[in-house]
Amino acid sequence: MDNIKSGKELLDEALSASVGHGGVCFWWLGQLGYLVRAGGVTILIDAYLSRGHSRLHEPLFEPEELHGIDYIFGSHDHLDHIDSVAWKVMAQKMPDAKFILPSALAQAVSERLQIPRSRFYGVNDGTLSYSDDNIKVTAIASAHESLDRDDVSGEYLYTGFVIECGGVRLYHSGDNVVYEGLITKLLALMPIDIMFFPINGRDARRYRMGLIGNMTYQEAVDMVLAVKPALAVPGHYDMFASNSADPADFTDYMSAKAPRQAVWVGSRGEKVEYSNAK
């Protein structure tokens, strides 16, 4: 943990990473946040960069330090996934960055942060995806703990992203539990190279505290075994004392059920390299 990269050192490493077709580098930022380099672009997903709020780990960099990010993803409108303070700073610092989020949230987030609506690209399960010359994004609804929809548009409020870029396919579930139909949706988009997902679970204590839950580590293992990604990456277990989990429980259960399944559990700020090249 003493060698965790942060600040300019971490960002320089990411922006200078040479990644070939079928390859990806990523850095876990804590909670369910990731910095990803693939296909010649740099992607930030659910990055929680605000200080305070009883977080156990300080952010690895300040929003003001960021540059060179092409796409900024937010899976739902909770501070540790769409960090309003950070998004506002990043919008000013990086005028060409595109913000991708559930379409049900785009107008409200744009107005609240005073970021032009034209910079937001909404996606919604079954009706709205996003693509350009560098990236393709397919939305898969997430249940946090339920499949909530906007009262007016009927669009989902919590969204996972299947991101295709540079010959790799990533799935970031956002906060989610396994619901009927989720596995079918994921299987239709196979093969998936890397899956990012929470394992902090849910229980009565958390619910009474207003902490909406996620899949348990057992449910996460079973989801991975159904989809069979090349690499499984659990998260959302490290940031708040009242809403934590032990990733060793996940890895132990996985090793018992499927010892050949590749799993990454490591340090925040650690560079992880993956390639599907044969």
C-alpha atoms as a PDB file:
ATOM      1  CA  MET A   1       0.000   0.000   0.000  1.00  0.00           C
ATOM      2  CA  ASP A   2       3.009   2.318   0.470  1.00  0.00           C
ATOM      3  CA  ASN A   3       3.583   2.415  -3.306  1.00  0.00           C
ATOM      4  CA  ILE A   4       0.109   3.552  -4.327  1.00  0.00           C
ATOM      5  CA  LYS A   5       0.353   5.999  -7.196  1.00  0.00           C
ATOM      6  CA  SER A   6      -1.679   9.167  -6.946  1.00  0.00           C
ATOM      7  CA  GLY A   7      -2.045  12.620  -8.413  1.00  0.00           C
ATOM      8  CA  LYS A   8       0.073  13.540 -11.422  1.00  0.00           C
ATOM      9  CA  GLU A   9       2.064  10.299 -11.243  1.00  0.00           C
ATOM     10  CA  LEU A  10      -1.069   8.166 -11.589  1.00  0.00           C
ATOM     11  CA  LEU A  11      -2.557  10.290 -14.343  1.00  0.00           C
ATOM     12  CA  ASP A  12       0.693  10.432 -16.304  1.00  0.00           C
ATOM     13  CA  GLU A  13       0.959   6.651 -16.106  1.00  0.00           C
ATOM     14  CA  ALA A  14      -2.579   6.266 -17.439  1.00  0.00           C
ATOM     15  CA  LEU A  15      -2.291   8.777 -20.258  1.00  0.00           C
ATOM     16  CA  SER A  16       1.035   7.396 -21.425  1.00  0.00           C
ATOM     17  CA  ALA A  17      -0.038   3.736 -21.301  1.00  0.00           C
ATOM     18  CA  SER A  18       0.451   2.062 -24.667  1.00  0.00           C
ATOM     19  CA  VAL A  19      -2.419  -0.347 -25.184  1.00  0.00           C
ATOM     20  CA  GLY A  20      -2.787  -2.411 -28.332  1.00  0.00           C
ATOM     21  CA  HIS A  21      -5.967  -3.723 -29.936  1.00  0.00           C
ATOM     22  CA  GLY A  22      -7.635  -6.159 -27.584  1.00  0.00           C
ATOM     23  CA  GLY A  23      -5.844  -4.701 -24.607  1.00  0.00           C
ATOM     24  CA  VAL A  24      -6.837  -2.509 -21.681  1.00  0.00           C
ATOM     25  CA  CYS A  25      -5.212  -1.002 -18.612  1.00  0.00           C
ATOM     26  CA  PHE A  26      -7.224   0.027 -15.593  1.00  0.00           C
ATOM     27  CA  TRP A  27      -6.638   1.551 -12.173  1.00  0.00           C
ATOM     28  CA  TRP A  28      -9.045   1.076  -9.283  1.00  0.00           C
ATOM     29  CA  LEU A  29      -9.785   4.404  -7.602  1.00  0.00           C
ATOM     30  CA  GLY A  30     -11.671   2.987  -4.623  1.00  0.00           C
ATOM     31  CA  GLN A  31     -15.368   2.221  -4.158  1.00  0.00           C
ATOM     32  CA  LEU A  32     -16.632   1.402  -7.682  1.00  0.00           C
ATOM     33  CA  GLY A  33     -14.482   3.959  -9.485  1.00  0.00           C
ATOM     34  CA  TYR A  34     -12.036   3.088 -12.270  1.00  0.00           C
ATOM     35  CA  LEU A  35      -9.688   4.872 -14.626  1.00  0.00           C
ATOM     36  CA  VAL A  36      -9.491   2.920 -17.897  1.00  0.00           C
ATOM     37  CA  ARG A  37      -7.211   3.175 -20.904  1.00  0.00           C
ATOM     38  CA  ALA A  38      -8.202   1.322 -24.081  1.00  0.00           C
ATOM     39  CA  GLY A  39      -8.413   1.963 -27.804  1.00  0.00           C
ATOM     40  CA  GLY A  40      -6.419   5.181 -27.531  1.00  0.00           C
ATOM     41  CA  VAL A  41      -8.919   6.836 -25.188  1.00  0.00           C
ATOM     42  CA  THR A  42      -9.083   7.394 -21.444  1.00  0.00           C
ATOM     43  CA  ILE A  43     -12.266   6.660 -19.512  1.00  0.00           C
ATOM     44  CA  LEU A  44     -13.322   7.556 -15.966  1.00  0.00           C
ATOM     45  CA  ILE A  45     -16.138   5.473 -14.458  1.00  0.00           C
ATOM     46  CA  ASP A  46     -17.972   6.297 -11.216  1.00  0.00           C
ATOM     47  CA  ALA A  47     -15.009   8.226  -9.846  1.00  0.00           C
ATOM     48  CA  TYR A  48     -15.619   9.470  -6.288  1.00  0.00           C
ATOM     49  CA  LEU A  49     -13.177  12.356  -5.815  1.00  0.00           C
ATOM     50  CA  SER A  50     -14.768  14.584  -3.156  1.00  0.00           C
ATOM     51  CA  ARG A  51     -13.085  14.712   0.237  1.00  0.00           C
ATOM     52  CA  GLY A  52     -14.809  14.273   3.576  1.00  0.00           C
ATOM     53  CA  HIS A  53     -18.156  12.480   3.952  1.00  0.00           C
ATOM     54  CA  SER A  54     -16.562   9.979   6.403  1.00  0.00           C
ATOM     55  CA  ARG A  55     -14.680   8.246   3.623  1.00  0.00           C
ATOM     56  CA  LEU A  56     -11.933   5.882   4.796  1.00  0.00           C
ATOM     57  CA  HIS A  57      -9.500   6.739   1.974  1.00  0.00           C
ATOM     58  CA  GLU A  58      -8.702  10.113   0.482  1.00  0.00           C
ATOM     59  CA  PRO A  59      -9.108  10.432  -3.301  1.00  0.00           C
ATOM     60  CA  LEU A  60      -6.080   9.469  -5.376  1.00  0.00           C
ATOM     61  CA  PHE A  61      -6.192  12.788  -7.208  1.00  0.00           C
ATOM     62  CA  GLU A  62      -8.003  16.089  -7.132  1.00  0.00           C
ATOM     63  CA  PRO A  63     -10.517  16.902  -9.876  1.00  0.00           C
ATOM     64  CA  GLU A  64      -8.419  19.975 -10.685  1.00  0.00           C
ATOM     65  CA  GLU A  65      -5.471  17.719 -11.582  1.00  0.00           C
ATOM     66  CA  LEU A  66      -7.329  15.835 -14.284  1.00  0.00           C
ATOM     67  CA  HIS A  67      -6.754  16.322 -17.978  1.00  0.00           C
ATOM     68  CA  GLY A  68      -6.907  14.139 -21.053  1.00  0.00           C
ATOM     69  CA  ILE A  69     -10.054  12.244 -20.031  1.00  0.00           C
ATOM     70  CA  ASP A  70     -12.255  11.501 -23.045  1.00  0.00           C
ATOM     71  CA  TYR A  71     -15.334   9.965 -21.390  1.00  0.00           C
ATOM     72  CA  ILE A  72     -16.717  10.376 -17.882  1.00  0.00           C
ATOM     73  CA  PHE A  73     -19.337   7.806 -16.802  1.00  0.00           C
ATOM     74  CA  GLY A  74     -21.789   7.974 -13.914  1.00  0.00           C
ATOM     75  CA  SER A  75     -24.058   4.996 -13.255  1.00  0.00           C
ATOM     76  CA  HIS A  76     -26.548   6.758 -10.962  1.00  0.00           C
ATOM     77  CA  ASP A  77     -27.039   9.965  -9.029  1.00  0.00           C
ATOM     78  CA  HIS A  78     -25.376   9.136  -5.713  1.00  0.00           C
ATOM     79  CA  LEU A  79     -22.301  11.091  -4.620  1.00  0.00           C
ATOM     80  CA  ASP A  80     -19.930   8.139  -4.815  1.00  0.00           C
ATOM     81  CA  HIS A  81     -20.928   7.487  -8.442  1.00  0.00           C
ATOM     82  CA  ILE A  82     -21.853  10.879  -9.878  1.00  0.00           C
ATOM     83  CA  ASP A  83     -19.669  13.216  -7.832  1.00  0.00           C
ATOM     84  CA  SER A  84     -21.327  16.566  -8.536  1.00  0.00           C
ATOM     85  CA  VAL A  85     -18.460  18.693  -7.222  1.00  0.00           C
ATOM     86  CA  ALA A  86     -15.906  16.762  -9.269  1.00  0.00           C
ATOM     87  CA  TRP A  87     -18.044  16.704 -12.408  1.00  0.00           C
ATOM     88  CA  LYS A  88     -18.430  20.463 -12.343  1.00  0.00           C
ATOM     89  CA  VAL A  89     -14.665  20.946 -12.054  1.00  0.00           C
ATOM     90  CA  MET A  90     -13.930  18.352 -14.733  1.00  0.00           C
ATOM     91  CA  ALA A  91     -16.393  19.960 -17.127  1.00  0.00           C
ATOM     92  CA  GLN A  92     -14.500  23.223 -16.810  1.00  0.00           C
ATOM     93  CA  LYS A  93     -11.027  21.675 -16.981  1.00  0.00           C
ATOM     94  CA  MET A  94     -11.785  19.333 -19.911  1.00  0.00           C
ATOM     95  CA  PRO A  95     -14.196  21.020 -22.338  1.00  0.00           C
ATOM     96  CA  ASP A  96     -14.029  18.126 -24.807  1.00  0.00           C
ATOM     97  CA  ALA A  97     -14.837  15.361 -22.321  1.00  0.00           C
ATOM     98  CA  LYS A  98     -18.184  13.616 -22.840  1.00  0.00           C
ATOM     99  CA  PHE A  99     -20.401  12.697 -19.890  1.00  0.00           C
ATOM    100  CA  ILE A 100     -22.332   9.414 -20.191  1.00  0.00           C
ATOM    101  CA  LEU A 101     -25.085   8.608 -17.706  1.00  0.00           C
ATOM    102  CA  PRO A 102     -28.648   7.268 -17.488  1.00  0.00           C
ATOM    103  CA  SER A 103     -30.821   9.287 -19.858  1.00  0.00           C
ATOM    104  CA  ALA A 104     -33.389   9.761 -17.068  1.00  0.00           C
ATOM    105  CA  LEU A 105     -30.820  11.891 -15.197  1.00  0.00           C
ATOM    106  CA  ALA A 106     -29.250  13.909 -17.983  1.00  0.00           C
ATOM    107  CA  GLN A 107     -31.441  17.011 -17.864  1.00  0.00           C
ATOM    108  CA  ALA A 108     -31.549  17.281 -14.077  1.00  0.00           C
ATOM    109  CA  VAL A 109     -27.792  16.782 -13.656  1.00  0.00           C
ATOM    110  CA  SER A 110     -27.095  19.284 -16.430  1.00  0.00           C
ATOM    111  CA  GLU A 111     -29.255  21.916 -14.749  1.00  0.00           C
ATOM    112  CA  ARG A 112     -27.936  21.252 -11.252  1.00  0.00           C
ATOM    113  CA  LEU A 113     -24.281  21.452 -12.281  1.00  0.00           C
ATOM    114  CA  GLN A 114     -24.805  24.146 -14.906  1.00  0.00           C
ATOM    115  CA  ILE A 115     -23.045  22.048 -17.521  1.00  0.00           C
ATOM    116  CA  PRO A 116     -24.479  22.381 -21.060  1.00  0.00           C
ATOM    117  CA  ARG A 117     -26.962  19.619 -21.818  1.00  0.00           C
ATOM    118  CA  SER A 118     -25.159  19.010 -25.116  1.00  0.00           C
ATOM    119  CA  ARG A 119     -22.241  17.488 -23.211  1.00  0.00           C
ATOM    120  CA  PHE A 120     -24.407  14.768 -21.664  1.00  0.00           C
ATOM    121  CA  TYR A 121     -25.084  11.535 -23.549  1.00  0.00           C
ATOM    122  CA  GLY A 122     -27.893   9.542 -22.009  1.00  0.00           C
ATOM    123  CA  VAL A 123     -28.300   5.787 -22.320  1.00  0.00           C
ATOM    124  CA  ASN A 124     -31.191   3.545 -21.303  1.00  0.00           C
ATOM    125  CA  ASP A 125     -31.687  -0.201 -21.289  1.00  0.00           C
ATOM    126  CA  GLY A 126     -33.400  -1.383 -24.457  1.00  0.00           C
ATOM    127  CA  THR A 127     -33.986   2.034 -26.006  1.00  0.00           C
ATOM    128  CA  LEU A 128     -30.890   4.209 -26.078  1.00  0.00           C
ATOM    129  CA  SER A 129     -27.199   3.429 -26.584  1.00  0.00           C
ATOM    130  CA  TYR A 130     -24.239   5.596 -27.517  1.00  0.00           C
ATOM    131  CA  SER A 131     -21.479   5.172 -30.079  1.00  0.00           C
ATOM    132  CA  ASP A 132     -18.862   7.177 -31.895  1.00  0.00           C
ATOM    133  CA  ASP A 133     -15.628   6.370 -33.719  1.00  0.00           C
ATOM    134  CA  ASN A 134     -13.914   5.269 -30.488  1.00  0.00           C
ATOM    135  CA  ILE A 135     -16.481   3.657 -28.243  1.00  0.00           C
ATOM    136  CA  LYS A 136     -19.827   1.894 -28.107  1.00  0.00           C
ATOM    137  CA  VAL A 137     -21.943   1.923 -24.942  1.00  0.00           C
ATOM    138  CA  THR A 138     -24.915  -0.342 -24.272  1.00  0.00           C
ATOM    139  CA  ALA A 139     -27.000   0.281 -21.156  1.00  0.00           C
ATOM    140  CA  ILE A 140     -28.185  -2.531 -18.915  1.00  0.00           C
ATOM    141  CA  ALA A 141     -30.595  -1.560 -16.146  1.00  0.00           C
ATOM    142  CA  SER A 142     -29.325  -2.000 -12.595  1.00  0.00           C
ATOM    143  CA  ALA A 143     -31.440  -2.816  -9.550  1.00  0.00           C
ATOM    144  CA  HIS A 144     -30.275  -0.805  -6.526  1.00  0.00           C
ATOM    145  CA  GLU A 145     -32.093  -2.640  -4.728  1.00  0.00           C
ATOM    146  CA  SER A 146     -34.997  -2.348  -7.176  1.00  0.00           C
ATOM    147  CA  LEU A 147     -35.382  -1.490 -10.865  1.00  0.00           C
ATOM    148  CA  ASP A 148     -36.508   2.091 -10.261  1.00  0.00           C
ATOM    149  CA  ARG A 149     -37.711   4.229 -13.171  1.00  0.00           C
ATOM    150  CA  ASP A 150     -38.330   7.903 -13.742  1.00  0.00           C
ATOM    151  CA  ASP A 151     -41.984   8.719 -13.062  1.00  0.00           C
ATOM    152  CA  VAL A 152     -42.368  10.695 -16.290  1.00  0.00           C
ATOM    153  CA  SER A 153     -40.129   9.065 -18.909  1.00  0.00           C
ATOM    154  CA  GLY A 154     -40.190   5.520 -17.565  1.00  0.00           C
ATOM    155  CA  GLU A 155     -36.409   5.347 -18.054  1.00  0.00           C
ATOM    156  CA  TYR A 156     -34.203   3.529 -15.571  1.00  0.00           C
ATOM    157  CA  LEU A 157     -32.543   5.543 -12.796  1.00  0.00           C
ATOM    158  CA  TYR A 158     -29.682   3.073 -12.214  1.00  0.00           C
ATOM    159  CA  THR A 159     -27.657   1.867 -15.159  1.00  0.00           C
ATOM    160  CA  GLY A 160     -24.814  -0.503 -15.865  1.00  0.00           C
ATOM    161  CA  PHE A 161     -22.625   0.028 -18.906  1.00  0.00           C
ATOM    162  CA  VAL A 162     -21.253  -2.437 -21.434  1.00  0.00           C
ATOM    163  CA  ILE A 163     -18.384  -0.516 -22.990  1.00  0.00           C
ATOM    164  CA  GLU A 164     -16.774  -1.709 -26.227  1.00  0.00           C
ATOM    165  CA  CYS A 165     -13.503   0.022 -27.049  1.00  0.00           C
ATOM    166  CA  GLY A 166     -10.295  -0.996 -28.768  1.00  0.00           C
ATOM    167  CA  GLY A 167     -11.362  -4.605 -29.211  1.00  0.00           C
ATOM    168  CA  VAL A 168     -12.331  -5.191 -25.590  1.00  0.00           C
ATOM    169  CA  ARG A 169     -15.725  -5.363 -23.923  1.00  0.00           C
ATOM    170  CA  LEU A 170     -16.156  -4.198 -20.317  1.00  0.00           C
ATOM    171  CA  TYR A 171     -19.194  -4.409 -18.063  1.00  0.00           C
ATOM    172  CA  HIS A 172     -19.499  -1.983 -15.168  1.00  0.00           C
ATOM    173  CA  SER A 173     -22.654  -2.849 -13.253  1.00  0.00           C
ATOM    174  CA  GLY A 174     -22.982   0.255 -11.105  1.00  0.00           C
ATOM    175  CA  ASP A 175     -24.744  -0.463  -7.837  1.00  0.00           C
ATOM    176  CA  ASN A 176     -26.786  -3.559  -8.537  1.00  0.00           C
ATOM    177  CA  VAL A 177     -28.334  -6.781  -7.341  1.00  0.00           C
ATOM    178  CA  VAL A 178     -28.942  -9.772  -9.574  1.00  0.00           C
ATOM    179  CA  TYR A 179     -32.503  -9.617 -10.892  1.00  0.00           C
ATOM    180  CA  GLU A 180     -34.496 -11.812 -13.250  1.00  0.00           C
ATOM    181  CA  GLY A 181     -33.308 -11.150 -16.781  1.00  0.00           C
ATOM    182  CA  LEU A 182     -29.930  -9.596 -15.950  1.00  0.00           C
ATOM    183  CA  ILE A 183     -27.890 -12.666 -16.845  1.00  0.00           C
ATOM    184  CA  THR A 184     -29.803 -13.093 -20.103  1.00  0.00           C
ATOM    185  CA  LYS A 185     -28.956  -9.524 -21.090  1.00  0.00           C
ATOM    186  CA  LEU A 186     -25.289 -10.056 -20.312  1.00  0.00           C
ATOM    187  CA  LEU A 187     -25.104 -13.361 -22.152  1.00  0.00           C
ATOM    188  CA  ALA A 188     -26.459 -11.634 -25.258  1.00  0.00           C
ATOM    189  CA  LEU A 189     -23.413  -9.358 -25.210  1.00  0.00           C
ATOM    190  CA  MET A 190     -20.757 -12.023 -24.683  1.00  0.00           C
ATOM    191  CA  PRO A 191     -17.863 -12.365 -24.677  1.00  0.00           C
ATOM    192  CA  ILE A 192     -17.200  -9.934 -21.825  1.00  0.00           C
ATOM    193  CA  ASP A 193     -13.546  -9.381 -21.057  1.00  0.00           C
ATOM    194  CA  ILE A 194     -13.751  -7.598 -17.702  1.00  0.00           C
ATOM    195  CA  MET A 195     -16.616  -7.233 -15.230  1.00  0.00           C
ATOM    196  CA  PHE A 196     -16.663  -4.569 -12.489  1.00  0.00           C
ATOM    197  CA  PHE A 197     -19.338  -5.025  -9.793  1.00  0.00           C
ATOM    198  CA  PRO A 198     -20.099  -4.410  -6.074  1.00  0.00           C
ATOM    199  CA  ILE A 199     -19.960  -7.007  -3.313  1.00  0.00           C
ATOM    200  CA  ASN A 200     -20.939  -5.035  -0.201  1.00  0.00           C
ATOM    201  CA  GLY A 201     -24.347  -6.718   0.097  1.00  0.00           C
ATOM    202  CA  ARG A 202     -27.452  -5.506   1.891  1.00  0.00           C
ATOM    203  CA  ASP A 203     -29.107  -6.103   5.237  1.00  0.00           C
ATOM    204  CA  ALA A 204     -31.573  -4.621   7.697  1.00  0.00           C
ATOM    205  CA  ARG A 205     -28.940  -2.556   9.522  1.00  0.00           C
ATOM    206  CA  ARG A 206     -27.852  -0.793   6.353  1.00  0.00           C
ATOM    207  CA  TYR A 207     -31.369  -0.324   5.106  1.00  0.00           C
ATOM    208  CA  ARG A 208     -32.396   1.346   8.369  1.00  0.00           C
ATOM    209  CA  MET A 209     -29.410   3.684   7.931  1.00  0.00           C
ATOM    210  CA  GLY A 210     -30.625   4.634   4.450  1.00  0.00           C
ATOM    211  CA  LEU A 211     -27.895   2.602   2.740  1.00  0.00           C
ATOM    212  CA  ILE A 212     -29.442   1.024  -0.337  1.00  0.00           C
ATOM    213  CA  GLY A 213     -27.887  -2.370  -0.947  1.00  0.00           C
ATOM    214  CA  ASN A 214     -26.031  -4.326  -3.573  1.00  0.00           C
ATOM    215  CA  MET A 215     -25.371  -7.953  -4.379  1.00  0.00           C
ATOM    216  CA  THR A 216     -23.689 -10.080  -1.739  1.00  0.00           C
ATOM    217  CA  TYR A 217     -20.325 -11.626  -2.465  1.00  0.00           C
ATOM    218  CA  GLN A 218     -22.069 -14.991  -2.973  1.00  0.00           C
ATOM    219  CA  GLU A 219     -24.490 -13.499  -5.508  1.00  0.00           C
ATOM    220  CA  ALA A 220     -21.605 -11.762  -7.250  1.00  0.00           C
ATOM    221  CA  VAL A 221     -19.704 -15.043  -7.556  1.00  0.00           C
ATOM    222  CA  ASP A 222     -22.744 -16.749  -9.054  1.00  0.00           C
ATOM    223  CA  MET A 223     -23.205 -13.877 -11.546  1.00  0.00           C
ATOM    224  CA  VAL A 224     -19.588 -14.195 -12.629  1.00  0.00           C
ATOM    225  CA  LEU A 225     -19.925 -17.955 -13.023  1.00  0.00           C
ATOM    226  CA  ALA A 226     -22.989 -17.473 -15.234  1.00  0.00           C
ATOM    227  CA  VAL A 227     -21.371 -14.875 -17.503  1.00  0.00           C
ATOM    228  CA  LYS A 228     -17.767 -16.171 -17.419  1.00  0.00           C
ATOM    229  CA  PRO A 229     -15.833 -12.966 -18.083  1.00  0.00           C
ATOM    230  CA  ALA A 230     -12.119 -13.291 -18.682  1.00  0.00           C
ATOM    231  CA  LEU A 231     -11.479 -11.208 -15.549  1.00  0.00           C
ATOM    232  CA  ALA A 232     -13.774 -10.466 -12.594  1.00  0.00           C
ATOM    233  CA  VAL A 233     -13.132  -7.336 -10.514  1.00  0.00           C
ATOM    234  CA  PRO A 234     -15.149  -6.849  -7.301  1.00  0.00           C
ATOM    235  CA  GLY A 235     -15.461  -3.408  -5.733  1.00  0.00           C
ATOM    236  CA  HIS A 236     -17.564  -1.130  -3.503  1.00  0.00           C
ATOM    237  CA  TYR A 237     -16.232  -2.627  -0.300  1.00  0.00           C
ATOM    238  CA  ASP A 238     -13.564  -0.230   0.955  1.00  0.00           C
ATOM    239  CA  MET A 239     -14.847   3.324   1.326  1.00  0.00           C
ATOM    240  CA  PHE A 240     -17.235   3.592   4.281  1.00  0.00           C
ATOM    241  CA  ALA A 241     -16.993   1.744   7.598  1.00  0.00           C
ATOM    242  CA  SER A 242     -20.770   1.344   7.763  1.00  0.00           C
ATOM    243  CA  ASN A 243     -21.027  -0.127   4.271  1.00  0.00           C
ATOM    244  CA  SER A 244     -17.950  -2.285   3.785  1.00  0.00           C
ATOM    245  CA  ALA A 245     -17.139  -5.913   3.023  1.00  0.00           C
ATOM    246  CA  ASP A 246     -14.117  -8.195   2.945  1.00  0.00           C
ATOM    247  CA  PRO A 247     -13.011  -9.041  -0.615  1.00  0.00           C
ATOM    248  CA  ALA A 248     -11.321 -12.160   0.766  1.00  0.00           C
ATOM    249  CA  ASP A 249     -14.795 -13.635   1.245  1.00  0.00           C
ATOM    250  CA  PHE A 250     -15.415 -13.187  -2.481  1.00  0.00           C
ATOM    251  CA  THR A 251     -12.085 -14.640  -3.571  1.00  0.00           C
ATOM    252  CA  ASP A 252     -12.383 -17.577  -1.172  1.00  0.00           C
ATOM    253  CA  TYR A 253     -15.878 -18.456  -2.365  1.00  0.00           C
ATOM    254  CA  MET A 254     -14.796 -18.083  -5.984  1.00  0.00           C
ATOM    255  CA  SER A 255     -11.774 -20.327  -5.462  1.00  0.00           C
ATOM    256  CA  ALA A 256     -14.044 -22.977  -3.958  1.00  0.00           C
ATOM    257  CA  LYS A 257     -16.598 -22.869  -6.771  1.00  0.00           C
ATOM    258  CA  ALA A 258     -14.453 -22.006  -9.800  1.00  0.00           C
ATOM    259  CA  PRO A 259     -10.728 -21.998  -9.090  1.00  0.00           C
ATOM    260  CA  ARG A 260      -9.871 -21.273 -12.729  1.00  0.00           C
ATOM    261  CA  GLN A 261     -11.866 -18.041 -12.890  1.00  0.00           C
ATOM    262  CA  ALA A 262      -9.482 -15.080 -13.037  1.00  0.00           C
ATOM    263  CA  VAL A 263     -10.122 -12.457 -10.365  1.00  0.00           C
ATOM    264  CA  TRP A 264      -8.358  -9.204  -9.601  1.00  0.00           C
ATOM    265  CA  VAL A 265      -8.329  -7.822  -6.058  1.00  0.00           C
ATOM    266  CA  GLY A 266      -5.548  -5.361  -5.380  1.00  0.00           C
ATOM    267  CA  SER A 267      -4.577  -1.863  -4.315  1.00  0.00           C
ATOM    268  CA  ARG A 268      -6.073   1.438  -5.274  1.00  0.00           C
ATOM    269  CA  GLY A 269      -3.883   3.124  -7.877  1.00  0.00           C
ATOM    270  CA  GLU A 270      -2.292  -0.144  -9.012  1.00  0.00           C
ATOM    271  CA  LYS A 271      -1.936  -0.570 -12.777  1.00  0.00           C
ATOM    272  CA  VAL A 272      -3.689  -3.672 -14.103  1.00  0.00           C
ATOM    273  CA  GLU A 273      -3.005  -4.866 -17.661  1.00  0.00           C
ATOM    274  CA  TYR A 274      -5.212  -7.226 -19.651  1.00  0.00           C
ATOM    275  CA  SER A 275      -5.223  -8.458 -23.241  1.00  0.00           C
ATOM    276  CA  ASN A 276      -7.504 -10.833 -25.090  1.00  0.00           C
ATOM    277  CA  ALA A 277      -4.975 -11.258 -27.910  1.00  0.00           C
ATOM    278  CA  LYS A 278      -4.346 -14.915 -28.657  1.00  0.00           C
END
